Amino acid sequence: MEIIEINGRKWQKSIGDEGQDVYVAQFVIDEDSSLGKYMDDNSYDILIDKDTDFYLPNTSVTSDSNFNEDDVAFKFRKNVFTKEEQAGCFEGLYDAAGESNNRGHAAGPRGGTSGKRDWVSPYQSDVLDYYIKGQPAAVDGSNPLESIKEKHASGSQDNRGSVWLRKQVEDQYGEYSTFFGTLMDELDAMSVKEAKNSAKTVKEKYISDTSYATAIWSGIAGFFGRYPRIPYGRATAYVDHNREKFEKSYPFARKLETEFKRMLPIRWERQYAYAKKMDKKFLIGEDTTFTTITVNTTSGDRNARMACHRDAGSLNAGYSNLTVVTKDGKDWKGGYLVTPEVRAAINCRPGDLLLIDNMRIIHANTPIAPPDSGIENFLRMSLIFYFREDMANLGSWEYEQCRKNYVDHRRLNKEHKLWKEYWNGVSPSMWGDKEWYDYLTSTMGNEALTKYHPEANVEKSSLDSFF
């Protein structure tokens, strides 16, 4: 065993029973301030490029080679998947990724555009607010517009924001790239009242009501739990429309399952305890402990570089599994997965497997760039397989389908007392109403009602006794 020290930080290093490097960090840096920010080559001290087990400090060690699985930051293994398994996974999952504005911290700071739309910069927003507030004078007598300009000189942006509605802007101002300067000249020439009303109109007519994050190419395959607006377990839209294609990823998922069980048997057993209670139709391949796959793609025209984040929704008792694949040997430079709290980065390449505690460990990618051979040879797809914790509350596949059909039945029934145009069929407390109990009984029988809603029979018995 040796102690590695870099820039005053220490890691304990030894060799494991499979010949892998074993690191135990002697520190954990508070990196919450990095959430939503990008990492680069200055964000780590150790680059992992071979089989490695990496532990957080204060690990409970029961013997020289037996560490506590709850203290594993990550385990990394090279060349786990065959070319055939990778090819099937690529074909089965590549089209699941689409342009997404809903990845929170992972999306990183806003750039110049979101898709084909341009962000409303903090500077532009403050200028409009200045006019809307009636052009208040600065206390120190300085020019307020110059102060706003200086305040935003760094160009820093939040992770979410509004975008300009390009068509409306171009219809009014013509050239989009110069319109804000033209607008400022117009506002400057107006009276205070006219400028106030005009700035208000600009915010109402030319800026979206929706807050967006940076667009990245990401999507979900597999299965989802209930959601307030979609209150039933279901296949994702991608799987629902591409079931045969999706099934090509099953051999890859099963190999991953085997390695997960071998490398982290205790964490796997905990996840299995949840999975075995599920209807197998909600599990990837119907025989793994995974319900869901996040798919991210980066290429010449797709961006999926991730900023610092912790993943949400994974089963805390279990573990997440990250891999990368490509097609036709296409390559990339960079894209290391950085764990800044322990100053380590992992060079995960096609065929490798990374088991990482992504709910607990902050992680991000370094820049991902085309290889020296050119952008046409650039393609990286990263995959995160996990068990969605909220799915533990689901009933059988048939029961969840019944819930879906009930929502659709209400939504399409114009005679329903709650029906209105664009109604989604959902209402408060609908799953405790007699209307639902009667529908479930007529569809699946009283046995299903007793199993999933025992309170319905208790209520019925109470009413019977009253009469």
Protein backbone atom coordinates (compact mmCIF):
# COMPACT_ATOMS: atom_id res chain seq x y z
CA MET A 1 0.00 0.00 0.00
CA GLU A 2 1.26 3.49 -0.86
CA ILE A 3 0.17 7.08 -0.30
CA ILE A 4 -0.12 9.32 -3.34
CA GLU A 5 0.02 13.05 -2.67
CA ILE A 6 -0.75 15.73 -5.28
CA ASN A 7 -1.18 19.41 -4.43
CA GLY A 8 -1.57 18.57 -0.76
CA ARG A 9 -4.33 15.99 -1.36
CA LYS A 10 -3.80 12.32 -0.53
CA TRP A 11 -5.06 8.98 -1.81
CA GLN A 12 -4.25 5.55 -0.46
CA LYS A 13 -3.42 3.13 -3.27
CA SER A 14 -3.15 -0.66 -3.35
CA ILE A 15 -3.74 -3.60 -5.68
CA GLY A 16 -7.04 -5.52 -5.48
CA ASP A 17 -7.73 -9.23 -5.78
CA GLU A 18 -8.43 -8.94 -9.54
CA GLY A 19 -5.24 -6.97 -10.16
CA GLN A 20 -7.16 -3.69 -10.27
CA ASP A 21 -5.90 -0.47 -8.75
CA VAL A 22 -7.67 0.38 -5.49
CA TYR A 23 -7.79 4.02 -4.38
CA VAL A 24 -9.16 5.36 -1.10
CA ALA A 25 -9.46 9.15 -1.08
CA GLN A 26 -8.35 10.73 2.17
CA PHE A 27 -10.58 13.77 1.59
CA VAL A 28 -13.86 14.91 0.04
CA ILE A 29 -13.98 18.47 -1.27
CA ASP A 30 -17.23 20.44 -0.91
CA GLU A 31 -18.04 21.05 -4.57
CA ASP A 32 -21.71 22.05 -4.37
CA SER A 33 -20.75 25.44 -5.79
CA SER A 34 -19.66 23.64 -8.99
CA LEU A 35 -23.17 22.33 -9.75
CA GLY A 36 -24.21 23.51 -13.20
CA LYS A 37 -20.63 24.37 -14.18
CA TYR A 38 -18.38 22.65 -16.70
CA MET A 39 -15.22 20.75 -15.76
CA ASP A 40 -11.92 20.69 -17.66
CA ASP A 41 -8.46 19.15 -17.33
CA ASN A 42 -7.74 21.34 -14.31
CA SER A 43 -10.62 19.75 -12.40
CA TYR A 44 -8.87 16.48 -11.56
CA ASP A 45 -5.48 15.18 -10.40
CA ILE A 46 -5.76 11.46 -11.19
CA LEU A 47 -6.87 10.07 -14.58
CA ILE A 48 -8.22 6.52 -14.39
CA ASP A 49 -7.52 4.53 -17.55
CA LYS A 50 -7.35 0.94 -16.27
CA ASP A 51 -9.36 -1.38 -14.03
CA THR A 52 -9.92 0.54 -10.79
CA ASP A 53 -11.97 0.54 -7.59
CA PHE A 54 -12.27 4.00 -6.04
CA TYR A 55 -13.51 4.55 -2.47
CA LEU A 56 -14.55 7.53 -0.42
CA PRO A 57 -12.65 8.16 2.84
CA ASN A 58 -13.37 6.54 6.23
CA THR A 59 -14.06 3.24 4.55
CA SER A 60 -14.91 0.35 6.84
CA VAL A 61 -12.35 -2.30 5.98
CA THR A 62 -13.01 -5.81 7.28
CA SER A 63 -9.83 -7.26 5.74
CA ASP A 64 -6.98 -6.19 3.48
CA SER A 65 -9.10 -6.78 0.36
CA ASN A 66 -12.70 -6.52 1.59
CA PHE A 67 -14.08 -2.97 1.48
CA ASN A 68 -17.52 -1.64 2.36
CA GLU A 69 -19.63 -1.33 -0.80
CA ASP A 70 -21.49 1.68 0.61
CA ASP A 71 -18.25 3.67 0.37
CA VAL A 72 -17.61 2.90 -3.30
CA ALA A 73 -17.42 6.09 -5.36
CA PHE A 74 -17.01 4.08 -8.56
CA LYS A 75 -15.68 0.85 -10.04
CA PHE A 76 -14.27 0.82 -13.55
CA ARG A 77 -13.52 -2.12 -15.83
CA LYS A 78 -12.03 -2.10 -19.32
CA ASN A 79 -13.32 -4.10 -22.32
CA VAL A 80 -16.36 -5.68 -20.67
CA PHE A 81 -18.68 -5.71 -23.69
CA THR A 82 -18.19 -7.50 -26.99
CA LYS A 83 -18.43 -5.68 -30.32
CA GLU A 84 -21.70 -7.51 -31.03
CA GLU A 85 -23.22 -6.40 -27.71
CA GLN A 86 -22.16 -2.81 -28.35
CA ALA A 87 -23.54 -2.84 -31.91
CA GLY A 88 -26.92 -4.14 -30.74
CA CYS A 89 -27.05 -1.55 -27.98
CA PHE A 90 -26.21 1.27 -30.38
CA GLU A 91 -28.86 0.23 -32.88
CA GLY A 92 -31.43 -0.31 -30.14
CA LEU A 93 -30.96 3.00 -28.33
CA TYR A 94 -29.39 5.67 -30.57
CA ASP A 95 -32.68 7.16 -31.75
CA ALA A 96 -33.96 7.52 -28.17
CA ALA A 97 -31.93 10.73 -27.77
CA GLY A 98 -33.44 14.00 -28.96
CA GLU A 99 -32.82 17.67 -28.32
CA SER A 100 -33.78 18.33 -24.71
CA ASN A 101 -34.08 21.55 -22.68
CA ASN A 102 -34.87 19.75 -19.44
CA ARG A 103 -31.64 18.41 -17.97
CA GLY A 104 -31.21 20.90 -15.12
CA HIS A 105 -27.66 21.32 -13.76
CA ALA A 106 -26.35 18.71 -16.21
CA ALA A 107 -27.08 20.99 -19.17
CA GLY A 108 -24.49 23.50 -17.98
CA PRO A 109 -24.36 27.27 -18.41
CA ARG A 110 -26.38 28.78 -21.22
CA GLY A 111 -24.51 29.42 -24.43
CA GLY A 112 -25.42 31.83 -27.21
CA THR A 113 -28.39 29.88 -28.50
CA SER A 114 -30.94 27.23 -27.56
CA GLY A 115 -31.57 25.27 -30.72
CA LYS A 116 -32.32 27.94 -33.34
CA ARG A 117 -33.39 30.51 -30.73
CA ASP A 118 -31.22 33.03 -28.93
CA TRP A 119 -31.19 33.49 -25.19
CA VAL A 120 -32.41 36.67 -23.60
CA SER A 121 -29.13 37.63 -21.96
CA PRO A 122 -29.03 38.94 -18.36
CA TYR A 123 -27.82 42.25 -19.82
CA GLN A 124 -30.80 42.53 -22.18
CA SER A 125 -33.21 41.59 -19.40
CA ASP A 126 -31.79 44.24 -17.05
CA VAL A 127 -31.94 46.90 -19.77
CA LEU A 128 -35.63 46.19 -20.39
CA ASP A 129 -36.32 46.22 -16.65
CA TYR A 130 -34.56 49.58 -16.34
CA TYR A 131 -36.96 51.14 -18.85
CA ILE A 132 -40.00 49.33 -17.41
CA LYS A 133 -39.16 50.79 -13.95
CA GLY A 134 -39.23 54.28 -15.39
CA GLN A 135 -35.46 54.81 -15.88
CA PRO A 136 -34.54 55.36 -12.21
CA ALA A 137 -31.44 57.48 -11.66
CA ALA A 138 -28.32 55.95 -10.11
CA VAL A 139 -27.59 57.07 -6.54
CA ASP A 140 -23.99 57.95 -7.43
CA GLY A 141 -25.00 59.96 -10.47
CA SER A 142 -23.52 57.51 -12.99
CA ASN A 143 -25.21 56.41 -16.22
CA PRO A 144 -27.45 53.42 -15.27
CA LEU A 145 -27.13 51.82 -18.71
CA GLU A 146 -23.32 51.95 -18.50
CA SER A 147 -23.50 50.38 -15.02
CA ILE A 148 -25.67 47.56 -16.38
CA LYS A 149 -23.17 47.01 -19.18
CA GLU A 150 -20.25 46.83 -16.74
CA LYS A 151 -22.18 44.47 -14.43
CA HIS A 152 -22.57 41.94 -17.23
CA ALA A 153 -19.17 42.39 -18.87
CA SER A 154 -18.15 38.83 -17.96
CA GLY A 155 -21.06 37.42 -19.99
CA SER A 156 -21.90 34.83 -17.29
CA GLN A 157 -25.30 33.16 -17.58
CA ASP A 158 -27.62 31.15 -15.35
CA ASN A 159 -28.50 27.55 -16.24
CA ARG A 160 -32.05 28.43 -17.28
CA GLY A 161 -33.63 31.40 -18.99
CA SER A 162 -36.02 32.68 -21.62
CA VAL A 163 -35.39 32.94 -25.35
CA TRP A 164 -36.26 35.52 -27.98
CA LEU A 165 -39.09 34.57 -30.33
CA ARG A 166 -37.07 34.99 -33.50
CA LYS A 167 -39.91 35.18 -36.01
CA GLN A 168 -41.73 37.91 -34.09
CA VAL A 169 -38.49 39.85 -33.68
CA GLU A 170 -37.59 39.58 -37.38
CA ASP A 171 -41.11 40.55 -38.47
CA GLN A 172 -40.81 43.77 -36.45
CA TYR A 173 -37.11 44.64 -36.71
CA GLY A 174 -35.80 42.80 -39.77
CA GLU A 175 -32.18 41.81 -39.09
CA TYR A 176 -32.13 39.68 -35.93
CA SER A 177 -28.44 40.07 -35.06
CA THR A 178 -28.67 43.86 -34.67
CA PHE A 179 -32.22 44.33 -33.44
CA PHE A 180 -31.42 44.94 -29.76
CA GLY A 181 -29.16 47.88 -30.57
CA THR A 182 -31.94 49.29 -32.75
CA LEU A 183 -34.43 48.75 -29.92
CA MET A 184 -32.19 50.59 -27.45
CA ASP A 185 -31.90 53.56 -29.83
CA GLU A 186 -35.70 53.66 -30.08
CA LEU A 187 -36.16 53.50 -26.30
CA ASP A 188 -33.56 56.22 -25.77
CA ALA A 189 -35.46 58.57 -28.09
CA MET A 190 -38.81 58.07 -26.29
CA SER A 191 -40.30 59.79 -23.30
CA VAL A 192 -40.07 57.90 -19.99
CA LYS A 193 -43.70 56.80 -20.24
CA GLU A 194 -43.43 55.75 -23.91
CA ALA A 195 -40.22 53.78 -23.22
CA LYS A 196 -41.84 52.05 -20.24
CA ASN A 197 -44.81 50.90 -22.32
CA SER A 198 -42.62 49.90 -25.26
CA ALA A 199 -40.23 47.83 -23.10
CA LYS A 200 -43.25 46.11 -21.54
CA THR A 201 -44.57 45.24 -25.00
CA VAL A 202 -41.20 43.79 -26.01
CA LYS A 203 -41.15 41.49 -22.97
CA GLU A 204 -44.73 40.36 -23.59
CA LYS A 205 -44.58 39.88 -27.37
CA TYR A 206 -41.01 38.94 -28.21
CA ILE A 207 -39.83 36.80 -25.27
CA SER A 208 -41.01 33.26 -24.56
CA ASP A 209 -43.02 32.54 -21.41
CA THR A 210 -41.11 29.28 -20.92
CA SER A 211 -37.80 28.97 -19.07
CA TYR A 212 -35.30 26.75 -20.91
CA ALA A 213 -31.98 25.11 -20.10
CA THR A 214 -29.17 24.63 -22.62
CA ALA A 215 -30.27 22.19 -25.31
CA ILE A 216 -28.44 18.86 -25.23
CA TRP A 217 -29.06 15.60 -27.08
CA SER A 218 -30.53 13.34 -24.45
CA GLY A 219 -33.48 10.99 -24.06
CA ILE A 220 -35.01 8.19 -22.05
CA ALA A 221 -35.61 4.57 -23.04
CA GLY A 222 -37.25 1.85 -20.99
CA PHE A 223 -40.03 2.59 -18.53
CA PHE A 224 -41.38 5.38 -16.33
CA GLY A 225 -43.37 5.59 -13.12
CA ARG A 226 -46.39 7.76 -12.41
CA TYR A 227 -46.33 11.50 -12.85
CA PRO A 228 -49.02 14.04 -11.79
CA ARG A 229 -50.09 14.71 -15.37
CA ILE A 230 -49.47 11.09 -16.47
CA PRO A 231 -50.57 9.07 -13.43
CA TYR A 232 -49.73 5.56 -14.58
CA GLY A 233 -46.64 3.40 -15.16
CA ARG A 234 -45.75 3.08 -18.82
CA ALA A 235 -43.16 2.50 -21.48
CA THR A 236 -41.36 5.63 -22.67
CA ALA A 237 -42.56 7.05 -25.97
CA TYR A 238 -39.44 5.73 -27.69
CA VAL A 239 -40.03 2.15 -26.53
CA ASP A 240 -43.75 2.38 -27.19
CA HIS A 241 -43.07 3.13 -30.86
CA ASN A 242 -39.84 1.15 -31.36
CA ARG A 243 -40.21 -2.00 -29.28
CA GLU A 244 -38.49 -4.35 -31.75
CA LYS A 245 -35.54 -2.00 -32.19
CA PHE A 246 -35.27 -1.42 -28.43
CA GLU A 247 -35.02 -5.16 -27.77
CA LYS A 248 -31.69 -5.25 -29.64
CA SER A 249 -30.14 -3.65 -26.53
CA TYR A 250 -31.11 -6.60 -24.28
CA PRO A 251 -27.88 -8.67 -24.65
CA PHE A 252 -25.88 -5.60 -23.62
CA ALA A 253 -28.17 -4.98 -20.62
CA ARG A 254 -27.87 -8.61 -19.50
CA LYS A 255 -24.05 -8.54 -19.65
CA LEU A 256 -24.14 -5.33 -17.62
CA GLU A 257 -26.45 -7.00 -15.09
CA THR A 258 -24.02 -9.92 -14.71
CA GLU A 259 -21.08 -7.61 -14.07
CA PHE A 260 -23.05 -5.44 -11.65
CA LYS A 261 -23.96 -8.51 -9.60
CA ARG A 262 -20.35 -9.76 -9.64
CA MET A 263 -18.65 -6.45 -8.78
CA LEU A 264 -21.14 -5.03 -6.25
CA PRO A 265 -23.10 -8.03 -4.92
CA ILE A 266 -24.52 -6.25 -1.86
CA ARG A 267 -25.76 -3.21 -3.79
CA TRP A 268 -27.07 -5.52 -6.52
CA GLU A 269 -28.98 -7.60 -3.95
CA ARG A 270 -30.66 -4.46 -2.62
CA GLN A 271 -31.69 -3.42 -6.11
CA TYR A 272 -32.85 -6.95 -6.89
CA ALA A 273 -35.08 -6.86 -3.78
CA TYR A 274 -36.97 -3.98 -5.39
CA ALA A 275 -36.93 -5.42 -8.90
CA LYS A 276 -38.36 -8.80 -7.93
CA LYS A 277 -41.45 -7.05 -6.51
CA MET A 278 -42.04 -5.37 -9.88
CA ASP A 279 -44.04 -6.72 -12.76
CA LYS A 280 -41.23 -7.96 -15.01
CA LYS A 281 -42.74 -6.09 -17.95
CA PHE A 282 -41.35 -2.90 -16.39
CA LEU A 283 -37.78 -4.29 -16.36
CA ILE A 284 -35.28 -4.01 -19.22
CA GLY A 285 -35.32 -7.42 -20.91
CA GLU A 286 -37.81 -8.59 -18.25
CA ASP A 287 -34.90 -10.24 -16.41
CA THR A 288 -32.60 -7.41 -15.23
CA THR A 289 -32.79 -5.01 -12.28
CA PHE A 290 -32.94 -1.95 -14.58
CA THR A 291 -36.11 -0.08 -15.47
CA THR A 292 -34.76 2.89 -17.39
CA ILE A 293 -31.88 4.05 -19.60
CA THR A 294 -30.71 7.64 -20.14
CA VAL A 295 -29.24 8.03 -23.63
CA ASN A 296 -26.91 10.96 -24.49
CA THR A 297 -25.30 11.48 -27.88
CA THR A 298 -22.50 13.79 -29.01
CA SER A 299 -21.38 14.21 -32.63
CA GLY A 300 -20.63 16.96 -35.09
CA ASP A 301 -24.20 18.28 -34.85
CA ARG A 302 -25.23 16.95 -31.41
CA ASN A 303 -24.09 18.17 -28.02
CA ALA A 304 -24.36 16.07 -24.84
CA ARG A 305 -21.52 17.40 -22.75
CA MET A 306 -22.66 17.33 -19.12
CA ALA A 307 -21.92 19.97 -16.49
CA CYS A 308 -21.58 19.13 -12.79
CA HIS A 309 -24.66 17.43 -11.37
CA ARG A 310 -25.95 14.64 -9.20
CA ASP A 311 -28.49 12.38 -10.85
CA ALA A 312 -32.01 12.29 -9.48
CA GLY A 313 -34.53 9.46 -9.51
CA SER A 314 -32.18 6.47 -9.23
CA LEU A 315 -32.71 3.95 -6.44
CA ASN A 316 -30.48 5.05 -3.56
CA ALA A 317 -30.10 1.51 -2.30
CA GLY A 318 -28.95 0.31 -5.72
CA TYR A 319 -26.39 1.63 -8.19
CA SER A 320 -26.15 3.21 -11.62
CA ASN A 321 -24.18 1.83 -14.52
CA LEU A 322 -22.53 4.00 -17.16
CA THR A 323 -21.11 2.91 -20.48
CA VAL A 324 -20.21 4.51 -23.81
CA VAL A 325 -20.59 3.07 -27.29
CA THR A 326 -20.01 4.27 -30.83
CA LYS A 327 -20.62 3.05 -34.38
CA ASP A 328 -18.18 1.95 -37.06
CA GLY A 329 -15.19 2.71 -34.83
CA LYS A 330 -15.86 6.45 -34.75
CA ASP A 331 -13.85 8.16 -32.05
CA TRP A 332 -13.51 11.33 -29.96
CA LYS A 333 -11.03 13.20 -27.82
CA GLY A 334 -11.64 14.12 -24.19
CA GLY A 335 -15.00 13.42 -22.61
CA TYR A 336 -13.45 12.21 -19.35
CA LEU A 337 -15.98 11.76 -16.57
CA VAL A 338 -14.75 13.97 -13.71
CA THR A 339 -15.59 13.45 -10.02
CA PRO A 340 -14.32 16.77 -8.62
CA GLU A 341 -15.02 15.96 -4.95
CA VAL A 342 -12.23 13.35 -5.01
CA ARG A 343 -10.24 14.96 -7.89
CA ALA A 344 -10.45 11.91 -10.18
CA ALA A 345 -11.45 11.48 -13.83
CA ILE A 346 -12.24 8.33 -15.80
CA ASN A 347 -11.44 7.77 -19.48
CA CYS A 348 -14.42 5.56 -20.35
CA ARG A 349 -14.15 4.17 -23.88
CA PRO A 350 -16.39 1.88 -25.99
CA GLY A 351 -16.71 -1.52 -24.33
CA ASP A 352 -15.82 -0.25 -20.83
CA LEU A 353 -18.10 -0.34 -17.79
CA LEU A 354 -18.31 2.25 -15.03
CA LEU A 355 -20.38 1.56 -11.90
CA ILE A 356 -20.81 4.94 -10.18
CA ASP A 357 -22.77 6.24 -7.19
CA ASN A 358 -24.24 9.02 -9.31
CA MET A 359 -26.89 10.08 -6.78
CA ARG A 360 -24.15 10.83 -4.28
CA ILE A 361 -21.12 11.79 -6.37
CA ILE A 362 -21.01 15.07 -8.35
CA HIS A 363 -19.86 14.31 -11.89
CA ALA A 364 -19.38 16.02 -15.25
CA ASN A 365 -17.58 15.62 -18.59
CA THR A 366 -14.51 17.42 -19.83
CA PRO A 367 -14.90 18.87 -23.37
CA ILE A 368 -15.71 16.29 -26.04
CA ALA A 369 -14.05 16.97 -29.38
CA PRO A 370 -13.68 15.29 -32.78
CA PRO A 371 -10.63 13.07 -33.30
CA ASP A 372 -7.67 14.24 -35.35
CA SER A 373 -9.15 12.39 -38.34
CA GLY A 374 -12.01 14.90 -38.52
CA ILE A 375 -15.56 15.63 -37.51
CA GLU A 376 -17.02 12.97 -39.80
CA ASN A 377 -15.39 10.34 -37.55
CA PHE A 378 -16.89 11.81 -34.38
CA LEU A 379 -19.66 9.95 -32.50
CA ARG A 380 -20.08 9.23 -28.79
CA MET A 381 -23.15 7.74 -27.10
CA SER A 382 -23.24 7.44 -23.30
CA LEU A 383 -25.77 5.26 -21.50
CA ILE A 384 -26.88 5.20 -17.87
CA PHE A 385 -28.85 2.11 -16.81
CA TYR A 386 -30.69 2.39 -13.50
CA PHE A 387 -33.75 1.48 -11.44
CA ARG A 388 -36.18 4.40 -11.05
CA GLU A 389 -37.06 4.57 -7.37
CA ASP A 390 -40.59 5.90 -7.92
CA MET A 391 -41.47 2.80 -9.93
CA ALA A 392 -41.42 0.68 -6.77
CA ASN A 393 -44.96 1.97 -6.14
CA LEU A 394 -46.43 0.59 -9.38
CA GLY A 395 -49.00 -2.15 -9.62
CA SER A 396 -49.04 -4.84 -12.29
CA TRP A 397 -48.62 -3.94 -15.95
CA GLU A 398 -52.33 -4.64 -16.48
CA TYR A 399 -53.32 -2.42 -13.54
CA GLU A 400 -51.20 0.50 -14.77
CA GLN A 401 -52.66 0.03 -18.26
CA CYS A 402 -56.13 0.17 -16.70
CA ARG A 403 -55.23 3.50 -15.08
CA LYS A 404 -54.11 4.80 -18.47
CA ASN A 405 -57.32 3.65 -20.17
CA TYR A 406 -59.37 5.29 -17.42
CA VAL A 407 -57.61 8.64 -17.94
CA ASP A 408 -58.17 8.36 -21.70
CA HIS A 409 -61.81 7.39 -21.17
CA ARG A 410 -62.41 10.52 -19.10
CA ARG A 411 -60.43 12.74 -21.47
CA LEU A 412 -62.45 11.65 -24.51
CA ASN A 413 -65.85 11.61 -22.81
CA LYS A 414 -67.47 14.96 -23.62
CA GLU A 415 -70.36 14.06 -21.35
CA HIS A 416 -68.12 13.87 -18.30
CA LYS A 417 -68.96 16.52 -15.71
CA LEU A 418 -65.35 17.78 -15.69
CA TRP A 419 -64.79 17.72 -19.45
CA LYS A 420 -63.53 20.84 -21.15
CA GLU A 421 -61.46 21.50 -24.25
CA TYR A 422 -57.84 20.34 -23.87
CA TRP A 423 -58.60 18.54 -20.58
CA ASN A 424 -56.08 15.74 -19.99
CA GLY A 425 -58.52 13.54 -18.06
CA VAL A 426 -56.78 14.06 -14.70
CA SER A 427 -58.36 15.66 -11.63
CA PRO A 428 -57.50 15.93 -7.91
CA SER A 429 -58.36 12.89 -5.76
CA MET A 430 -59.57 10.96 -8.82
CA TRP A 431 -58.00 7.70 -7.59
CA GLY A 432 -60.11 7.72 -4.43
CA ASP A 433 -63.43 8.37 -6.15
CA LYS A 434 -66.27 5.88 -6.63
CA GLU A 435 -66.08 6.57 -10.38
CA TRP A 436 -62.60 5.01 -10.49
CA TYR A 437 -63.53 2.13 -8.19
CA ASP A 438 -66.47 1.24 -10.45
CA TYR A 439 -64.31 1.47 -13.60
CA LEU A 440 -61.58 -0.73 -12.11
CA THR A 441 -64.10 -3.32 -10.93
CA SER A 442 -65.83 -3.46 -14.31
CA THR A 443 -62.48 -3.81 -16.08
CA MET A 444 -60.38 -6.05 -13.81
CA GLY A 445 -62.88 -7.37 -11.27
CA ASN A 446 -63.43 -6.96 -7.54
CA GLU A 447 -60.20 -8.83 -6.81
CA ALA A 448 -58.16 -5.99 -8.33
CA LEU A 449 -60.18 -3.45 -6.37
CA THR A 450 -59.49 -5.31 -3.12
CA LYS A 451 -55.78 -5.65 -3.94
CA TYR A 452 -55.04 -2.07 -4.97
CA HIS A 453 -57.77 -0.15 -3.14
CA PRO A 454 -58.77 -2.02 0.02
CA GLU A 455 -60.12 1.24 1.38
CA ALA A 456 -62.92 1.06 -1.21
CA ASN A 457 -64.40 -2.09 0.31
CA VAL A 458 -64.07 -0.68 3.83
CA GLU A 459 -65.98 2.39 2.74
CA LYS A 460 -68.62 0.26 1.04
CA SER A 461 -69.11 -1.93 4.12
CA SER A 462 -69.57 1.16 6.31
CA LEU A 463 -72.27 2.50 4.04
CA ASP A 464 -74.01 -0.92 3.91
CA SER A 465 -74.16 -1.07 7.70
CA PHE A 466 -75.67 2.40 7.81
CA PHE A 467 -78.62 1.24 5.75
